[in-house]
Amino acid sequence: MSEQEITDLREVPWPERRLIGIEIDRLAGVRSWAGALQARVGSAVSQTTSAVRSTVETTAKTATATVTGSATVAAAAGKGTVAAAAAGKAAAATASATVAASTAAAGAATTAISAASTAAAAAVTSATVLLGGLAAAPAMPAVVAAGAASAVGLGAWRLWAGNLEEDLRRVSPGACASLRFPPGHPLRDRVYALHPLDAERYLPIETFHQTLFLEKEAALMTLLRALGAHQVTVTAHSGHASPEGFSDPAATPLAEPELLRTEVLPAPTAAPHIPPSLPWLEHEPAWRAEAERRLGGAGEGTFELDWSAPMGIEQELLKNLRRVGWKPDGVLHFLPTVWRFHALFR
């Protein structure tokens, strides 16, 4: 699609807006330098012009005094002889011509300096306008996807996750007014990734995996409560032992399975069931199969929370974005992570 100004990001097919940056001005420093250069050029020209004018005025005054003195001498000499008077008058005329020529030359020099100043200022202005045009262009080319879906899906998100820094779309805050962000967001110069299950919600890329992992865990716990679980034992089998590890550069991968917690749940208030429209469930056939087993009378079951697909959101992406002027706040530490939830049902 064309790179025209976008007023509502929802109008853009989701594959073209998986990653957005909020109105960054990459060339502000260059434009600031251009403005300072223009000011310095103007100041230097002004000082030079003033110096030339001062020199012209001093020369004119000196020449005038010389002419006046010559005329006086000539007049006095003229009282003696006609030839002396003529000589004095000739000297005065020569001096006057010299003053006139000096004044004209100084005037021409001043005009030339003024013209040079105007040309320099115009050049700096043109450069500034050019830089402004470059800054207004998209920070990076957007991917145009033929037959792009209008709604986001987890499988398609994973399929499309390639070189996301090449797909990043620069947008203004106004274009995001109809979208949802965490409290306090969006912020300028920051980059956000589209939620894989919600086409109108964006997450800061620094906490992308941590947020989604927590949401998926919450969805699984909702399912287990609805199925009538009274006790759930959670074990981390690989990757991170805490969701915060996805944003912690010091986190190390598990060397062996680690028991995280055993949770006793309150007695259910309804018969075992699968909640309708439960986020993530349609993308987790193993969850549904285990839930169906429970509804068939099973007294326990094991459900796996698998977060192994980075979807292109990794530390290298943050590095690449910082190289071109974006300002991610934090780090990404993606590790394929698997937790298992063993539930006992009533």
C-alpha atoms as a PDB file:
ATOM      1  CA  MET A   1       0.000   0.000   0.000  1.00  0.00           C
ATOM      2  CA  SER A   2       1.099   3.608  -0.400  1.00  0.00           C
ATOM      3  CA  GLU A   3       3.159   5.306   2.279  1.00  0.00           C
ATOM      4  CA  GLN A   4       0.571   8.046   2.817  1.00  0.00           C
ATOM      5  CA  GLU A   5      -0.149   9.474   6.251  1.00  0.00           C
ATOM      6  CA  ILE A   6      -2.139   6.925   8.246  1.00  0.00           C
ATOM      7  CA  THR A   7      -4.773   8.311  10.586  1.00  0.00           C
ATOM      8  CA  ASP A   8      -6.082   4.992  11.927  1.00  0.00           C
ATOM      9  CA  LEU A   9      -3.741   2.026  12.098  1.00  0.00           C
ATOM     10  CA  ARG A  10      -6.693  -0.378  12.119  1.00  0.00           C
ATOM     11  CA  GLU A  11      -7.111   0.360   8.413  1.00  0.00           C
ATOM     12  CA  VAL A  12      -3.764  -1.305   7.719  1.00  0.00           C
ATOM     13  CA  PRO A  13      -3.760  -5.117   7.254  1.00  0.00           C
ATOM     14  CA  TRP A  14      -2.188  -6.653  10.331  1.00  0.00           C
ATOM     15  CA  PRO A  15       0.817  -8.270   8.597  1.00  0.00           C
ATOM     16  CA  GLU A  16       1.913  -4.749   7.656  1.00  0.00           C
ATOM     17  CA  ARG A  17       1.733  -3.494  11.218  1.00  0.00           C
ATOM     18  CA  ARG A  18       3.056  -6.324  13.362  1.00  0.00           C
ATOM     19  CA  LEU A  19       5.784  -4.004  14.556  1.00  0.00           C
ATOM     20  CA  ILE A  20       5.298  -0.246  14.930  1.00  0.00           C
ATOM     21  CA  GLY A  21       7.513   2.602  16.104  1.00  0.00           C
ATOM     22  CA  ILE A  22       6.002   5.752  17.565  1.00  0.00           C
ATOM     23  CA  GLU A  23       7.024   8.868  15.614  1.00  0.00           C
ATOM     24  CA  ILE A  24      10.783   8.973  15.910  1.00  0.00           C
ATOM     25  CA  ASP A  25      12.800  11.890  14.456  1.00  0.00           C
ATOM     26  CA  ARG A  26      16.083  10.268  13.401  1.00  0.00           C
ATOM     27  CA  LEU A  27      17.488  13.442  11.821  1.00  0.00           C
ATOM     28  CA  ALA A  28      16.724  15.932  14.573  1.00  0.00           C
ATOM     29  CA  GLY A  29      20.426  16.135  15.443  1.00  0.00           C
ATOM     30  CA  VAL A  30      21.388  16.782  11.838  1.00  0.00           C
ATOM     31  CA  ARG A  31      18.765  19.472  11.446  1.00  0.00           C
ATOM     32  CA  SER A  32      19.951  21.070  14.676  1.00  0.00           C
ATOM     33  CA  TRP A  33      23.483  21.102  13.270  1.00  0.00           C
ATOM     34  CA  ALA A  34      22.217  22.688  10.040  1.00  0.00           C
ATOM     35  CA  GLY A  35      20.428  25.416  11.984  1.00  0.00           C
ATOM     36  CA  ALA A  36      23.534  26.127  14.062  1.00  0.00           C
ATOM     37  CA  LEU A  37      25.633  26.269  10.879  1.00  0.00           C
ATOM     38  CA  GLN A  38      23.224  28.742   9.317  1.00  0.00           C
ATOM     39  CA  ALA A  39      23.415  30.926  12.424  1.00  0.00           C
ATOM     40  CA  ARG A  40      27.225  30.812  12.403  1.00  0.00           C
ATOM     41  CA  VAL A  41      27.364  31.687   8.688  1.00  0.00           C
ATOM     42  CA  GLY A  42      25.041  34.632   9.240  1.00  0.00           C
ATOM     43  CA  SER A  43      27.057  35.864  12.212  1.00  0.00           C
ATOM     44  CA  ALA A  44      30.378  35.598  10.334  1.00  0.00           C
ATOM     45  CA  VAL A  45      28.995  37.438   7.304  1.00  0.00           C
ATOM     46  CA  SER A  46      27.538  40.160   9.479  1.00  0.00           C
ATOM     47  CA  GLN A  47      30.854  40.664  11.291  1.00  0.00           C
ATOM     48  CA  THR A  48      32.801  40.746   8.012  1.00  0.00           C
ATOM     49  CA  THR A  49      30.384  43.233   6.455  1.00  0.00           C
ATOM     50  CA  SER A  50      30.631  45.495   9.506  1.00  0.00           C
ATOM     51  CA  ALA A  51      34.438  45.353   9.363  1.00  0.00           C
ATOM     52  CA  VAL A  52      34.474  46.257   5.639  1.00  0.00           C
ATOM     53  CA  ARG A  53      32.101  49.154   6.177  1.00  0.00           C
ATOM     54  CA  SER A  54      34.175  50.418   9.066  1.00  0.00           C
ATOM     55  CA  THR A  55      37.321  50.272   6.916  1.00  0.00           C
ATOM     56  CA  VAL A  56      35.559  52.119   4.070  1.00  0.00           C
ATOM     57  CA  GLU A  57      34.372  54.837   6.414  1.00  0.00           C
ATOM     58  CA  THR A  58      37.848  55.275   7.920  1.00  0.00           C
ATOM     59  CA  THR A  59      39.427  55.388   4.441  1.00  0.00           C
ATOM     60  CA  ALA A  60      36.882  57.922   3.272  1.00  0.00           C
ATOM     61  CA  LYS A  61      37.491  60.150   6.267  1.00  0.00           C
ATOM     62  CA  THR A  62      41.261  59.970   5.794  1.00  0.00           C
ATOM     63  CA  ALA A  63      40.980  60.682   2.074  1.00  0.00           C
ATOM     64  CA  THR A  64      38.620  63.589   2.710  1.00  0.00           C
ATOM     65  CA  ALA A  65      41.048  65.072   5.215  1.00  0.00           C
ATOM     66  CA  THR A  66      43.837  64.630   2.680  1.00  0.00           C
ATOM     67  CA  VAL A  67      41.818  66.334  -0.039  1.00  0.00           C
ATOM     68  CA  THR A  68      40.903  69.179   2.266  1.00  0.00           C
ATOM     69  CA  GLY A  69      44.540  69.634   3.294  1.00  0.00           C
ATOM     70  CA  SER A  70      45.674  69.504  -0.330  1.00  0.00           C
ATOM     71  CA  ALA A  71      43.081  72.070  -1.311  1.00  0.00           C
ATOM     72  CA  THR A  72      44.145  74.357   1.493  1.00  0.00           C
ATOM     73  CA  VAL A  73      47.806  74.048   0.534  1.00  0.00           C
ATOM     74  CA  ALA A  74      46.942  74.565  -3.102  1.00  0.00           C
ATOM     75  CA  ALA A  75      44.914  77.659  -2.288  1.00  0.00           C
ATOM     76  CA  ALA A  76      47.751  79.076  -0.249  1.00  0.00           C
ATOM     77  CA  ALA A  77      50.251  78.228  -2.975  1.00  0.00           C
ATOM     78  CA  GLY A  78      47.942  79.713  -5.587  1.00  0.00           C
ATOM     79  CA  LYS A  79      48.466  83.101  -4.020  1.00  0.00           C
ATOM     80  CA  GLY A  80      52.052  82.809  -5.087  1.00  0.00           C
ATOM     81  CA  THR A  81      51.877  81.448  -8.591  1.00  0.00           C
ATOM     82  CA  VAL A  82      49.227  80.288 -11.017  1.00  0.00           C
ATOM     83  CA  ALA A  83      51.153  77.043 -11.746  1.00  0.00           C
ATOM     84  CA  ALA A  84      51.251  76.075  -8.048  1.00  0.00           C
ATOM     85  CA  ALA A  85      47.542  76.679  -7.726  1.00  0.00           C
ATOM     86  CA  ALA A  86      46.866  74.447 -10.735  1.00  0.00           C
ATOM     87  CA  ALA A  87      49.054  71.727  -9.268  1.00  0.00           C
ATOM     88  CA  GLY A  88      47.181  71.877  -5.980  1.00  0.00           C
ATOM     89  CA  LYS A  89      43.851  71.636  -7.687  1.00  0.00           C
ATOM     90  CA  ALA A  90      45.037  68.628  -9.742  1.00  0.00           C
ATOM     91  CA  ALA A  91      46.192  66.866  -6.574  1.00  0.00           C
ATOM     92  CA  ALA A  92      42.866  67.506  -4.913  1.00  0.00           C
ATOM     93  CA  ALA A  93      40.986  66.100  -7.925  1.00  0.00           C
ATOM     94  CA  THR A  94      43.166  62.965  -7.945  1.00  0.00           C
ATOM     95  CA  ALA A  95      42.556  62.430  -4.236  1.00  0.00           C
ATOM     96  CA  SER A  96      38.822  62.844  -4.716  1.00  0.00           C
ATOM     97  CA  ALA A  97      38.838  60.284  -7.550  1.00  0.00           C
ATOM     98  CA  THR A  98      40.761  57.849  -5.340  1.00  0.00           C
ATOM     99  CA  VAL A  99      38.218  58.219  -2.552  1.00  0.00           C
ATOM    100  CA  ALA A 100      35.360  57.625  -4.995  1.00  0.00           C
ATOM    101  CA  ALA A 101      37.051  54.510  -6.437  1.00  0.00           C
ATOM    102  CA  SER A 102      37.778  53.140  -2.944  1.00  0.00           C
ATOM    103  CA  THR A 103      34.206  53.710  -1.871  1.00  0.00           C
ATOM    104  CA  ALA A 104      32.846  51.966  -4.989  1.00  0.00           C
ATOM    105  CA  ALA A 105      35.169  48.994  -4.492  1.00  0.00           C
ATOM    106  CA  ALA A 106      34.170  48.676  -0.856  1.00  0.00           C
ATOM    107  CA  GLY A 107      30.515  48.827  -1.839  1.00  0.00           C
ATOM    108  CA  ALA A 108      31.012  46.059  -4.407  1.00  0.00           C
ATOM    109  CA  ALA A 109      32.790  43.933  -1.800  1.00  0.00           C
ATOM    110  CA  THR A 110      29.933  44.424   0.646  1.00  0.00           C
ATOM    111  CA  THR A 111      27.411  43.428  -2.037  1.00  0.00           C
ATOM    112  CA  ALA A 112      29.424  40.316  -2.878  1.00  0.00           C
ATOM    113  CA  ILE A 113      29.615  39.319   0.791  1.00  0.00           C
ATOM    114  CA  SER A 114      25.878  39.840   1.164  1.00  0.00           C
ATOM    115  CA  ALA A 115      25.209  37.678  -1.905  1.00  0.00           C
ATOM    116  CA  ALA A 116      27.502  34.946  -0.558  1.00  0.00           C
ATOM    117  CA  SER A 117      25.676  35.094   2.767  1.00  0.00           C
ATOM    118  CA  THR A 118      22.305  34.718   1.050  1.00  0.00           C
ATOM    119  CA  ALA A 119      23.566  31.785  -1.035  1.00  0.00           C
ATOM    120  CA  ALA A 120      25.031  30.026   2.023  1.00  0.00           C
ATOM    121  CA  ALA A 121      21.824  30.514   3.982  1.00  0.00           C
ATOM    122  CA  ALA A 122      19.774  29.188   1.044  1.00  0.00           C
ATOM    123  CA  ALA A 123      22.023  26.128   0.777  1.00  0.00           C
ATOM    124  CA  VAL A 124      21.672  25.355   4.486  1.00  0.00           C
ATOM    125  CA  THR A 125      17.913  25.879   4.279  1.00  0.00           C
ATOM    126  CA  SER A 126      17.655  23.534   1.288  1.00  0.00           C
ATOM    127  CA  ALA A 127      19.676  20.902   3.126  1.00  0.00           C
ATOM    128  CA  THR A 128      17.433  21.264   6.160  1.00  0.00           C
ATOM    129  CA  VAL A 129      14.298  20.881   4.033  1.00  0.00           C
ATOM    130  CA  LEU A 130      15.796  17.813   2.364  1.00  0.00           C
ATOM    131  CA  LEU A 131      16.648  16.252   5.726  1.00  0.00           C
ATOM    132  CA  GLY A 132      13.167  17.029   6.949  1.00  0.00           C
ATOM    133  CA  GLY A 133      11.741  15.186   3.980  1.00  0.00           C
ATOM    134  CA  LEU A 134      13.916  12.203   4.711  1.00  0.00           C
ATOM    135  CA  ALA A 135      12.878  12.179   8.344  1.00  0.00           C
ATOM    136  CA  ALA A 136       9.220  12.275   7.367  1.00  0.00           C
ATOM    137  CA  ALA A 137       9.631   9.127   5.272  1.00  0.00           C
ATOM    138  CA  PRO A 138       8.961   5.726   6.867  1.00  0.00           C
ATOM    139  CA  ALA A 139      11.810   4.630   9.104  1.00  0.00           C
ATOM    140  CA  MET A 140      11.918   1.246   7.425  1.00  0.00           C
ATOM    141  CA  PRO A 141      10.023  -0.235   4.491  1.00  0.00           C
ATOM    142  CA  ALA A 142       6.748  -1.878   5.353  1.00  0.00           C
ATOM    143  CA  VAL A 143       5.968  -5.355   4.090  1.00  0.00           C
ATOM    144  CA  VAL A 144       3.055  -5.452   1.673  1.00  0.00           C
ATOM    145  CA  ALA A 145       1.347  -8.820   1.928  1.00  0.00           C
ATOM    146  CA  ALA A 146      -0.881 -10.060  -0.875  1.00  0.00           C
ATOM    147  CA  GLY A 147      -4.190 -11.308   0.444  1.00  0.00           C
ATOM    148  CA  ALA A 148      -3.351 -10.234   3.992  1.00  0.00           C
ATOM    149  CA  ALA A 149      -5.821 -11.371   6.606  1.00  0.00           C
ATOM    150  CA  SER A 150      -7.888  -8.753   8.392  1.00  0.00           C
ATOM    151  CA  ALA A 151      -7.674 -10.542  11.733  1.00  0.00           C
ATOM    152  CA  VAL A 152      -4.558 -11.691  13.494  1.00  0.00           C
ATOM    153  CA  GLY A 153      -3.870 -15.337  14.301  1.00  0.00           C
ATOM    154  CA  LEU A 154      -1.131 -17.030  16.283  1.00  0.00           C
ATOM    155  CA  GLY A 155      -0.126 -19.474  13.559  1.00  0.00           C
ATOM    156  CA  ALA A 156       0.001 -16.762  10.912  1.00  0.00           C
ATOM    157  CA  TRP A 157       1.933 -14.471  13.269  1.00  0.00           C
ATOM    158  CA  ARG A 158       4.586 -17.154  13.650  1.00  0.00           C
ATOM    159  CA  LEU A 159       4.629 -17.744   9.907  1.00  0.00           C
ATOM    160  CA  TRP A 160       5.163 -14.058   9.190  1.00  0.00           C
ATOM    161  CA  ALA A 161       7.822 -13.522  11.858  1.00  0.00           C
ATOM    162  CA  GLY A 162      10.913 -12.960   9.790  1.00  0.00           C
ATOM    163  CA  ASN A 163      13.199  -9.925   9.779  1.00  0.00           C
ATOM    164  CA  LEU A 164      10.841  -7.763  11.777  1.00  0.00           C
ATOM    165  CA  GLU A 165      13.188  -4.774  11.894  1.00  0.00           C
ATOM    166  CA  GLU A 166      12.764  -4.596   8.113  1.00  0.00           C
ATOM    167  CA  ASP A 167       8.974  -4.642   8.517  1.00  0.00           C
ATOM    168  CA  LEU A 168       8.704  -1.946  11.158  1.00  0.00           C
ATOM    169  CA  ARG A 169       6.199   0.784  10.373  1.00  0.00           C
ATOM    170  CA  ARG A 170       6.683   4.294  11.703  1.00  0.00           C
ATOM    171  CA  VAL A 171       3.424   5.858  12.876  1.00  0.00           C
ATOM    172  CA  SER A 172       2.255   8.981  14.669  1.00  0.00           C
ATOM    173  CA  PRO A 173       0.609   8.782  18.091  1.00  0.00           C
ATOM    174  CA  GLY A 174      -2.650   9.944  16.478  1.00  0.00           C
ATOM    175  CA  ALA A 175      -2.780   6.851  14.273  1.00  0.00           C
ATOM    176  CA  CYS A 176      -2.770   4.706  17.431  1.00  0.00           C
ATOM    177  CA  ALA A 177      -5.681   6.436  19.166  1.00  0.00           C
ATOM    178  CA  SER A 178      -8.072   3.561  18.440  1.00  0.00           C
ATOM    179  CA  LEU A 179      -5.622   0.867  19.579  1.00  0.00           C
ATOM    180  CA  ARG A 180      -4.893  -0.508  23.024  1.00  0.00           C
ATOM    181  CA  PHE A 181      -1.560  -0.242  24.843  1.00  0.00           C
ATOM    182  CA  PRO A 182      -0.458  -0.898  28.425  1.00  0.00           C
ATOM    183  CA  PRO A 183      -1.042   2.004  30.866  1.00  0.00           C
ATOM    184  CA  GLY A 184       1.389   4.837  30.184  1.00  0.00           C
ATOM    185  CA  HIS A 185       1.914   3.850  26.545  1.00  0.00           C
ATOM    186  CA  PRO A 186       2.519   4.475  23.685  1.00  0.00           C
ATOM    187  CA  LEU A 187       5.728   6.462  24.110  1.00  0.00           C
ATOM    188  CA  ARG A 188       7.719   8.239  21.421  1.00  0.00           C
ATOM    189  CA  ASP A 189      10.805   6.513  20.055  1.00  0.00           C
ATOM    190  CA  ARG A 190       9.570   3.166  21.393  1.00  0.00           C
ATOM    191  CA  VAL A 191       8.655   0.061  19.405  1.00  0.00           C
ATOM    192  CA  TYR A 192       5.596  -2.140  19.940  1.00  0.00           C
ATOM    193  CA  ALA A 193       4.581  -5.579  18.675  1.00  0.00           C
ATOM    194  CA  LEU A 194       1.064  -6.612  17.784  1.00  0.00           C
ATOM    195  CA  HIS A 195      -0.577  -9.055  20.193  1.00  0.00           C
ATOM    196  CA  PRO A 196      -0.839 -12.406  18.360  1.00  0.00           C
ATOM    197  CA  LEU A 197      -4.470 -12.924  19.420  1.00  0.00           C
ATOM    198  CA  ASP A 198      -5.772  -9.345  19.335  1.00  0.00           C
ATOM    199  CA  ALA A 199      -5.522  -7.174  16.220  1.00  0.00           C
ATOM    200  CA  GLU A 200      -6.067  -3.947  18.194  1.00  0.00           C
ATOM    201  CA  ARG A 201      -3.620  -4.475  21.038  1.00  0.00           C
ATOM    202  CA  TYR A 202       0.104  -3.716  21.149  1.00  0.00           C
ATOM    203  CA  LEU A 203       2.801  -4.662  23.644  1.00  0.00           C
ATOM    204  CA  PRO A 204       6.224  -3.095  24.246  1.00  0.00           C
ATOM    205  CA  ILE A 205       8.705  -5.427  22.594  1.00  0.00           C
ATOM    206  CA  GLU A 206      10.833  -5.487  25.759  1.00  0.00           C
ATOM    207  CA  THR A 207       8.050  -7.232  27.723  1.00  0.00           C
ATOM    208  CA  PHE A 208       6.389  -9.005  24.805  1.00  0.00           C
ATOM    209  CA  HIS A 209       7.257 -12.580  25.858  1.00  0.00           C
ATOM    210  CA  GLN A 210       6.860 -11.990  29.568  1.00  0.00           C
ATOM    211  CA  THR A 211       3.368 -10.524  29.113  1.00  0.00           C
ATOM    212  CA  LEU A 212       2.162 -13.252  26.757  1.00  0.00           C
ATOM    213  CA  PHE A 213       3.589 -16.047  28.887  1.00  0.00           C
ATOM    214  CA  LEU A 214       1.737 -14.683  31.930  1.00  0.00           C
ATOM    215  CA  GLU A 215      -1.478 -14.354  29.913  1.00  0.00           C
ATOM    216  CA  LYS A 216      -1.175 -17.916  28.663  1.00  0.00           C
ATOM    217  CA  GLU A 217      -0.517 -19.191  32.186  1.00  0.00           C
ATOM    218  CA  ALA A 218      -3.572 -17.312  33.446  1.00  0.00           C
ATOM    219  CA  ALA A 219      -5.695 -18.842  30.662  1.00  0.00           C
ATOM    220  CA  LEU A 220      -4.512 -22.330  31.579  1.00  0.00           C
ATOM    221  CA  MET A 221      -5.275 -21.790  35.260  1.00  0.00           C
ATOM    222  CA  THR A 222      -8.756 -20.556  34.304  1.00  0.00           C
ATOM    223  CA  LEU A 223      -9.280 -23.759  32.348  1.00  0.00           C
ATOM    224  CA  LEU A 224      -8.104 -25.938  35.237  1.00  0.00           C
ATOM    225  CA  ARG A 225     -10.450 -24.209  37.696  1.00  0.00           C
ATOM    226  CA  ALA A 226     -13.361 -24.627  35.284  1.00  0.00           C
ATOM    227  CA  LEU A 227     -12.524 -28.334  34.986  1.00  0.00           C
ATOM    228  CA  GLY A 228     -12.769 -28.676  38.758  1.00  0.00           C
ATOM    229  CA  ALA A 229      -9.094 -28.932  39.756  1.00  0.00           C
ATOM    230  CA  HIS A 230      -8.491 -28.740  43.493  1.00  0.00           C
ATOM    231  CA  GLN A 231      -4.702 -28.961  43.379  1.00  0.00           C
ATOM    232  CA  VAL A 232      -2.196 -27.920  40.702  1.00  0.00           C
ATOM    233  CA  THR A 233       1.535 -28.647  40.774  1.00  0.00           C
ATOM    234  CA  VAL A 234       3.635 -26.506  38.445  1.00  0.00           C
ATOM    235  CA  THR A 235       7.070 -27.656  37.271  1.00  0.00           C
ATOM    236  CA  ALA A 236       9.426 -25.739  34.969  1.00  0.00           C
ATOM    237  CA  HIS A 237      11.015 -28.257  32.603  1.00  0.00           C
ATOM    238  CA  SER A 238      13.152 -26.052  30.358  1.00  0.00           C
ATOM    239  CA  GLY A 239      14.007 -22.439  29.675  1.00  0.00           C
ATOM    240  CA  HIS A 240      13.050 -19.895  32.315  1.00  0.00           C
ATOM    241  CA  ALA A 241      11.872 -20.676  35.835  1.00  0.00           C
ATOM    242  CA  SER A 242      10.083 -17.315  35.980  1.00  0.00           C
ATOM    243  CA  PRO A 243       8.283 -15.163  33.397  1.00  0.00           C
ATOM    244  CA  GLU A 244      10.507 -12.270  34.430  1.00  0.00           C
ATOM    245  CA  GLY A 245      13.415 -14.224  32.948  1.00  0.00           C
ATOM    246  CA  PHE A 246      12.296 -13.150  29.464  1.00  0.00           C
ATOM    247  CA  SER A 247      13.374  -9.613  30.405  1.00  0.00           C
ATOM    248  CA  ASP A 248      16.330 -10.477  32.634  1.00  0.00           C
ATOM    249  CA  PRO A 249      19.776 -10.618  30.969  1.00  0.00           C
ATOM    250  CA  ALA A 250      21.185 -12.483  33.965  1.00  0.00           C
ATOM    251  CA  ALA A 251      18.633 -15.305  33.813  1.00  0.00           C
ATOM    252  CA  THR A 252      20.121 -18.705  33.026  1.00  0.00           C
ATOM    253  CA  PRO A 253      18.347 -21.668  31.426  1.00  0.00           C
ATOM    254  CA  LEU A 254      17.222 -24.486  33.650  1.00  0.00           C
ATOM    255  CA  ALA A 255      19.708 -27.328  33.919  1.00  0.00           C
ATOM    256  CA  GLU A 256      17.012 -29.714  35.131  1.00  0.00           C
ATOM    257  CA  PRO A 257      13.268 -29.580  35.932  1.00  0.00           C
ATOM    258  CA  GLU A 258      12.395 -27.357  38.878  1.00  0.00           C
ATOM    259  CA  LEU A 259       9.305 -27.533  41.072  1.00  0.00           C
ATOM    260  CA  LEU A 260       7.815 -24.031  41.133  1.00  0.00           C
ATOM    261  CA  ARG A 261       4.713 -24.365  43.309  1.00  0.00           C
ATOM    262  CA  THR A 262       1.813 -26.495  44.427  1.00  0.00           C
ATOM    263  CA  GLU A 263      -1.435 -24.572  44.495  1.00  0.00           C
ATOM    264  CA  VAL A 264      -4.615 -25.584  46.312  1.00  0.00           C
ATOM    265  CA  LEU A 265      -7.699 -24.191  44.611  1.00  0.00           C
ATOM    266  CA  PRO A 266     -11.068 -23.363  46.150  1.00  0.00           C
ATOM    267  CA  ALA A 267     -14.003 -25.692  45.596  1.00  0.00           C
ATOM    268  CA  PRO A 268     -15.695 -25.119  42.220  1.00  0.00           C
ATOM    269  CA  THR A 269     -19.114 -23.504  42.078  1.00  0.00           C
ATOM    270  CA  ALA A 270     -20.177 -25.153  38.810  1.00  0.00           C
ATOM    271  CA  ALA A 271     -19.936 -28.532  37.122  1.00  0.00           C
ATOM    272  CA  PRO A 272     -16.729 -29.222  35.181  1.00  0.00           C
ATOM    273  CA  HIS A 273     -16.809 -27.465  31.831  1.00  0.00           C
ATOM    274  CA  ILE A 274     -14.641 -25.819  29.200  1.00  0.00           C
ATOM    275  CA  PRO A 275     -15.056 -22.024  29.344  1.00  0.00           C
ATOM    276  CA  PRO A 276     -16.307 -20.518  26.070  1.00  0.00           C
ATOM    277  CA  SER A 277     -13.979 -18.196  24.146  1.00  0.00           C
ATOM    278  CA  LEU A 278     -11.018 -18.970  26.389  1.00  0.00           C
ATOM    279  CA  PRO A 279      -7.907 -17.227  24.992  1.00  0.00           C
ATOM    280  CA  TRP A 280      -5.224 -19.577  23.655  1.00  0.00           C
ATOM    281  CA  LEU A 281      -7.377 -22.721  23.897  1.00  0.00           C
ATOM    282  CA  GLU A 282      -8.067 -22.934  20.157  1.00  0.00           C
ATOM    283  CA  HIS A 283      -4.297 -22.834  19.557  1.00  0.00           C
ATOM    284  CA  GLU A 284      -3.586 -25.583  22.075  1.00  0.00           C
ATOM    285  CA  PRO A 285      -5.135 -28.871  20.870  1.00  0.00           C
ATOM    286  CA  ALA A 286      -3.301 -30.777  23.612  1.00  0.00           C
ATOM    287  CA  TRP A 287      -5.084 -28.659  26.240  1.00  0.00           C
ATOM    288  CA  ARG A 288      -8.444 -29.399  24.679  1.00  0.00           C
ATOM    289  CA  ALA A 289      -7.706 -33.121  24.450  1.00  0.00           C
ATOM    290  CA  GLU A 290      -6.749 -33.250  28.123  1.00  0.00           C
ATOM    291  CA  ALA A 291      -9.830 -31.204  29.025  1.00  0.00           C
ATOM    292  CA  GLU A 292     -12.048 -33.633  27.140  1.00  0.00           C
ATOM    293  CA  ARG A 293     -10.441 -36.490  29.073  1.00  0.00           C
ATOM    294  CA  ARG A 294     -11.339 -34.736  32.296  1.00  0.00           C
ATOM    295  CA  LEU A 295     -14.931 -34.231  31.169  1.00  0.00           C
ATOM    296  CA  GLY A 296     -14.960 -37.939  30.432  1.00  0.00           C
ATOM    297  CA  GLY A 297     -14.205 -38.704  34.098  1.00  0.00           C
ATOM    298  CA  ALA A 298     -10.402 -38.546  34.457  1.00  0.00           C
ATOM    299  CA  GLY A 299      -9.284 -37.727  37.998  1.00  0.00           C
ATOM    300  CA  GLU A 300      -6.051 -35.985  37.012  1.00  0.00           C
ATOM    301  CA  GLY A 301      -4.297 -34.578  33.990  1.00  0.00           C
ATOM    302  CA  THR A 302      -1.096 -32.899  32.840  1.00  0.00           C
ATOM    303  CA  PHE A 303      -1.194 -29.734  30.765  1.00  0.00           C
ATOM    304  CA  GLU A 304       1.880 -28.265  29.113  1.00  0.00           C
ATOM    305  CA  LEU A 305       2.542 -24.557  28.718  1.00  0.00           C
ATOM    306  CA  ASP A 306       4.947 -24.355  25.784  1.00  0.00           C
ATOM    307  CA  TRP A 307       6.488 -20.994  24.862  1.00  0.00           C
ATOM    308  CA  SER A 308       9.077 -21.979  22.278  1.00  0.00           C
ATOM    309  CA  ALA A 309       8.404 -19.647  19.335  1.00  0.00           C
ATOM    310  CA  PRO A 310      10.152 -16.241  19.562  1.00  0.00           C
ATOM    311  CA  MET A 311       8.011 -14.832  16.706  1.00  0.00           C
ATOM    312  CA  GLY A 312      10.954 -12.671  15.653  1.00  0.00           C
ATOM    313  CA  ILE A 313      11.016 -10.791  18.978  1.00  0.00           C
ATOM    314  CA  GLU A 314      14.525 -11.459  20.286  1.00  0.00           C
ATOM    315  CA  GLN A 315      17.500  -9.543  21.663  1.00  0.00           C
ATOM    316  CA  GLU A 316      19.022  -9.162  18.206  1.00  0.00           C
ATOM    317  CA  LEU A 317      15.956  -7.196  17.160  1.00  0.00           C
ATOM    318  CA  LEU A 318      16.514  -4.699  19.982  1.00  0.00           C
ATOM    319  CA  LYS A 319      20.163  -4.310  18.964  1.00  0.00           C
ATOM    320  CA  ASN A 320      19.228  -3.648  15.357  1.00  0.00           C
ATOM    321  CA  LEU A 321      16.580  -1.114  16.342  1.00  0.00           C
ATOM    322  CA  ARG A 322      19.003   0.757  18.584  1.00  0.00           C
ATOM    323  CA  ARG A 323      21.522   0.949  15.726  1.00  0.00           C
ATOM    324  CA  VAL A 324      19.070   2.975  13.664  1.00  0.00           C
ATOM    325  CA  GLY A 325      17.977   5.305  16.441  1.00  0.00           C
ATOM    326  CA  TRP A 326      15.064   3.649  18.233  1.00  0.00           C
ATOM    327  CA  LYS A 327      15.112   3.530  22.020  1.00  0.00           C
ATOM    328  CA  PRO A 328      13.923   0.201  23.432  1.00  0.00           C
ATOM    329  CA  ASP A 329      13.792   0.379  27.220  1.00  0.00           C
ATOM    330  CA  GLY A 330      15.248  -2.811  28.596  1.00  0.00           C
ATOM    331  CA  VAL A 331      16.392  -6.138  27.251  1.00  0.00           C
ATOM    332  CA  LEU A 332      14.967  -9.293  25.754  1.00  0.00           C
ATOM    333  CA  HIS A 333      16.166 -12.692  26.874  1.00  0.00           C
ATOM    334  CA  PHE A 334      14.145 -15.231  24.980  1.00  0.00           C
ATOM    335  CA  LEU A 335      14.591 -18.895  25.856  1.00  0.00           C
ATOM    336  CA  PRO A 336      12.243 -21.654  24.684  1.00  0.00           C
ATOM    337  CA  THR A 337      10.340 -22.389  27.886  1.00  0.00           C
ATOM    338  CA  VAL A 338       8.139 -25.323  28.875  1.00  0.00           C
ATOM    339  CA  TRP A 339       6.182 -25.631  32.124  1.00  0.00           C
ATOM    340  CA  ARG A 340       3.947 -28.541  33.101  1.00  0.00           C
ATOM    341  CA  PHE A 341       0.787 -28.228  35.205  1.00  0.00           C
ATOM    342  CA  HIS A 342      -0.341 -31.437  36.878  1.00  0.00           C
ATOM    343  CA  ALA A 343      -3.920 -31.107  38.096  1.00  0.00           C
ATOM    344  CA  LEU A 344      -5.906 -33.245  40.514  1.00  0.00           C
ATOM    345  CA  PHE A 345      -9.651 -33.035  39.965  1.00  0.00           C
ATOM    346  CA  ARG A 346     -12.464 -33.474  42.459  1.00  0.00           C
END
